[in-house]
Amino acid sequence: MRYFPFHRKFKIYQYKEIESYMAREYKPIREYGGWGIRYVIGGIAYNVYGNKGVQLILKNKKKVLVGTQKPEEFYQAIVKANSKSAT
């Protein structure tokens, strides 16, 4: 993923680093202090607008939230890509 223009390079999360993931609604101000790239204890959020996203929980217990207005589609894309990488 890349949060342009703040990231020049893509940040890659390998499947082997991910323990679980889920589509969810969140409270941007309460949970992350607003929108943008937000660092919180135990994780990071990349969100621009709205209150929906996909949460990755990494094996090191850190959480990564990626905001999107189509969380179910994003979640299904991860599931599909993960099943292809397993074969």
C-alpha atoms as a PDB file:
ATOM      1  CA  MET A   1       0.000   0.000   0.000  1.00  0.00           C
ATOM      2  CA  ARG A   2       1.037   3.570  -0.465  1.00  0.00           C
ATOM      3  CA  TYR A   3      -0.511   6.721   0.980  1.00  0.00           C
ATOM      4  CA  PHE A   4       0.502   9.180  -1.719  1.00  0.00           C
ATOM      5  CA  PRO A   5       2.050  11.805  -1.474  1.00  0.00           C
ATOM      6  CA  PHE A   6       3.393  10.884   1.965  1.00  0.00           C
ATOM      7  CA  HIS A   7       4.921   7.555   0.961  1.00  0.00           C
ATOM      8  CA  ARG A   8       7.286   7.433  -1.957  1.00  0.00           C
ATOM      9  CA  LYS A   9       7.553   3.652  -1.811  1.00  0.00           C
ATOM     10  CA  PHE A  10       4.893   1.036  -1.227  1.00  0.00           C
ATOM     11  CA  LYS A  11       4.615  -0.471   2.256  1.00  0.00           C
ATOM     12  CA  ILE A  12       4.293  -4.206   1.820  1.00  0.00           C
ATOM     13  CA  TYR A  13       2.687  -6.503   4.356  1.00  0.00           C
ATOM     14  CA  GLN A  14       3.489 -10.107   3.496  1.00  0.00           C
ATOM     15  CA  TYR A  15       0.824 -12.748   4.112  1.00  0.00           C
ATOM     16  CA  LYS A  16       3.193 -14.550   6.444  1.00  0.00           C
ATOM     17  CA  GLU A  17       3.217 -11.401   8.647  1.00  0.00           C
ATOM     18  CA  ILE A  18      -0.586 -11.250   8.901  1.00  0.00           C
ATOM     19  CA  GLU A  19      -2.343 -13.187  11.632  1.00  0.00           C
ATOM     20  CA  SER A  20      -5.880 -12.082  10.709  1.00  0.00           C
ATOM     21  CA  TYR A  21      -7.863  -9.403   8.899  1.00  0.00           C
ATOM     22  CA  MET A  22     -11.430  -8.150   8.943  1.00  0.00           C
ATOM     23  CA  ALA A  23     -13.665  -5.527   7.399  1.00  0.00           C
ATOM     24  CA  ARG A  24     -14.968  -3.187  10.106  1.00  0.00           C
ATOM     25  CA  GLU A  25     -16.402   0.170  11.045  1.00  0.00           C
ATOM     26  CA  TYR A  26     -14.313   2.349  13.315  1.00  0.00           C
ATOM     27  CA  LYS A  27     -14.481   5.707  15.086  1.00  0.00           C
ATOM     28  CA  PRO A  28     -11.779   7.856  13.462  1.00  0.00           C
ATOM     29  CA  ILE A  29     -11.656  10.558  16.107  1.00  0.00           C
ATOM     30  CA  ARG A  30     -12.077   8.337  19.154  1.00  0.00           C
ATOM     31  CA  GLU A  31      -9.816   5.490  18.027  1.00  0.00           C
ATOM     32  CA  TYR A  32      -7.187   7.355  16.008  1.00  0.00           C
ATOM     33  CA  GLY A  33      -7.538  11.063  16.739  1.00  0.00           C
ATOM     34  CA  GLY A  34      -8.803  11.912  13.260  1.00  0.00           C
ATOM     35  CA  TRP A  35      -7.970  11.138   9.659  1.00  0.00           C
ATOM     36  CA  GLY A  36      -4.661  10.795   7.832  1.00  0.00           C
ATOM     37  CA  ILE A  37      -1.739   8.613   8.813  1.00  0.00           C
ATOM     38  CA  ARG A  38      -2.318   8.080  12.522  1.00  0.00           C
ATOM     39  CA  TYR A  39       0.038   6.305  14.870  1.00  0.00           C
ATOM     40  CA  VAL A  40      -1.505   4.884  18.023  1.00  0.00           C
ATOM     41  CA  ILE A  41      -0.232   2.541  20.699  1.00  0.00           C
ATOM     42  CA  GLY A  42      -0.023  -0.859  19.066  1.00  0.00           C
ATOM     43  CA  GLY A  43      -0.682   0.208  15.501  1.00  0.00           C
ATOM     44  CA  ILE A  44      -1.252   2.626  12.674  1.00  0.00           C
ATOM     45  CA  ALA A  45      -4.204   3.834  10.629  1.00  0.00           C
ATOM     46  CA  TYR A  46      -4.292   5.051   7.061  1.00  0.00           C
ATOM     47  CA  ASN A  47      -7.591   6.821   6.556  1.00  0.00           C
ATOM     48  CA  VAL A  48      -8.806   9.755   4.520  1.00  0.00           C
ATOM     49  CA  TYR A  49     -12.571   9.808   4.823  1.00  0.00           C
ATOM     50  CA  GLY A  50     -15.387   7.938   6.478  1.00  0.00           C
ATOM     51  CA  ASN A  51     -15.498   5.253   9.115  1.00  0.00           C
ATOM     52  CA  LYS A  52     -15.042   1.961   7.250  1.00  0.00           C
ATOM     53  CA  GLY A  53     -11.949  -0.045   6.557  1.00  0.00           C
ATOM     54  CA  VAL A  54     -10.034  -3.281   6.769  1.00  0.00           C
ATOM     55  CA  GLN A  55      -8.030  -4.063   9.897  1.00  0.00           C
ATOM     56  CA  LEU A  56      -4.926  -6.219   9.628  1.00  0.00           C
ATOM     57  CA  ILE A  57      -3.647  -7.822  12.805  1.00  0.00           C
ATOM     58  CA  LEU A  58      -0.033  -8.770  12.367  1.00  0.00           C
ATOM     59  CA  LYS A  59       1.707 -11.687  14.046  1.00  0.00           C
ATOM     60  CA  ASN A  60       3.694  -9.207  16.142  1.00  0.00           C
ATOM     61  CA  LYS A  61       0.268  -8.050  17.490  1.00  0.00           C
ATOM     62  CA  LYS A  62       0.435  -4.627  15.806  1.00  0.00           C
ATOM     63  CA  LYS A  63      -2.727  -3.466  14.064  1.00  0.00           C
ATOM     64  CA  VAL A  64      -2.926  -1.748  10.696  1.00  0.00           C
ATOM     65  CA  LEU A  65      -6.189  -0.099   9.680  1.00  0.00           C
ATOM     66  CA  VAL A  66      -6.697   0.837   6.029  1.00  0.00           C
ATOM     67  CA  GLY A  67      -9.700   3.095   5.526  1.00  0.00           C
ATOM     68  CA  THR A  68     -11.870   2.480   2.472  1.00  0.00           C
ATOM     69  CA  GLN A  69     -15.449   3.146   1.452  1.00  0.00           C
ATOM     70  CA  LYS A  70     -15.614  -0.397   0.036  1.00  0.00           C
ATOM     71  CA  PRO A  71     -14.336  -2.526   2.914  1.00  0.00           C
ATOM     72  CA  GLU A  72     -16.079  -5.733   1.830  1.00  0.00           C
ATOM     73  CA  GLU A  73     -14.573  -5.522  -1.669  1.00  0.00           C
ATOM     74  CA  PHE A  74     -11.119  -4.840  -0.217  1.00  0.00           C
ATOM     75  CA  TYR A  75     -11.531  -7.725   2.234  1.00  0.00           C
ATOM     76  CA  GLN A  76     -12.585 -10.089  -0.577  1.00  0.00           C
ATOM     77  CA  ALA A  77      -9.582  -8.990  -2.667  1.00  0.00           C
ATOM     78  CA  ILE A  78      -7.279  -9.920   0.235  1.00  0.00           C
ATOM     79  CA  VAL A  79      -9.037 -13.289   0.627  1.00  0.00           C
ATOM     80  CA  LYS A  80      -8.716 -13.987  -3.098  1.00  0.00           C
ATOM     81  CA  ALA A  81      -5.060 -12.956  -3.236  1.00  0.00           C
ATOM     82  CA  ASN A  82      -4.306 -14.969  -0.115  1.00  0.00           C
ATOM     83  CA  SER A  83      -5.877 -18.108  -1.570  1.00  0.00           C
ATOM     84  CA  LYS A  84      -3.791 -17.706  -4.739  1.00  0.00           C
ATOM     85  CA  SER A  85      -0.593 -17.311  -2.737  1.00  0.00           C
ATOM     86  CA  ALA A  86      -1.368 -20.507  -0.791  1.00  0.00           C
ATOM     87  CA  THR A  87      -1.478 -22.632  -3.961  1.00  0.00           C
END
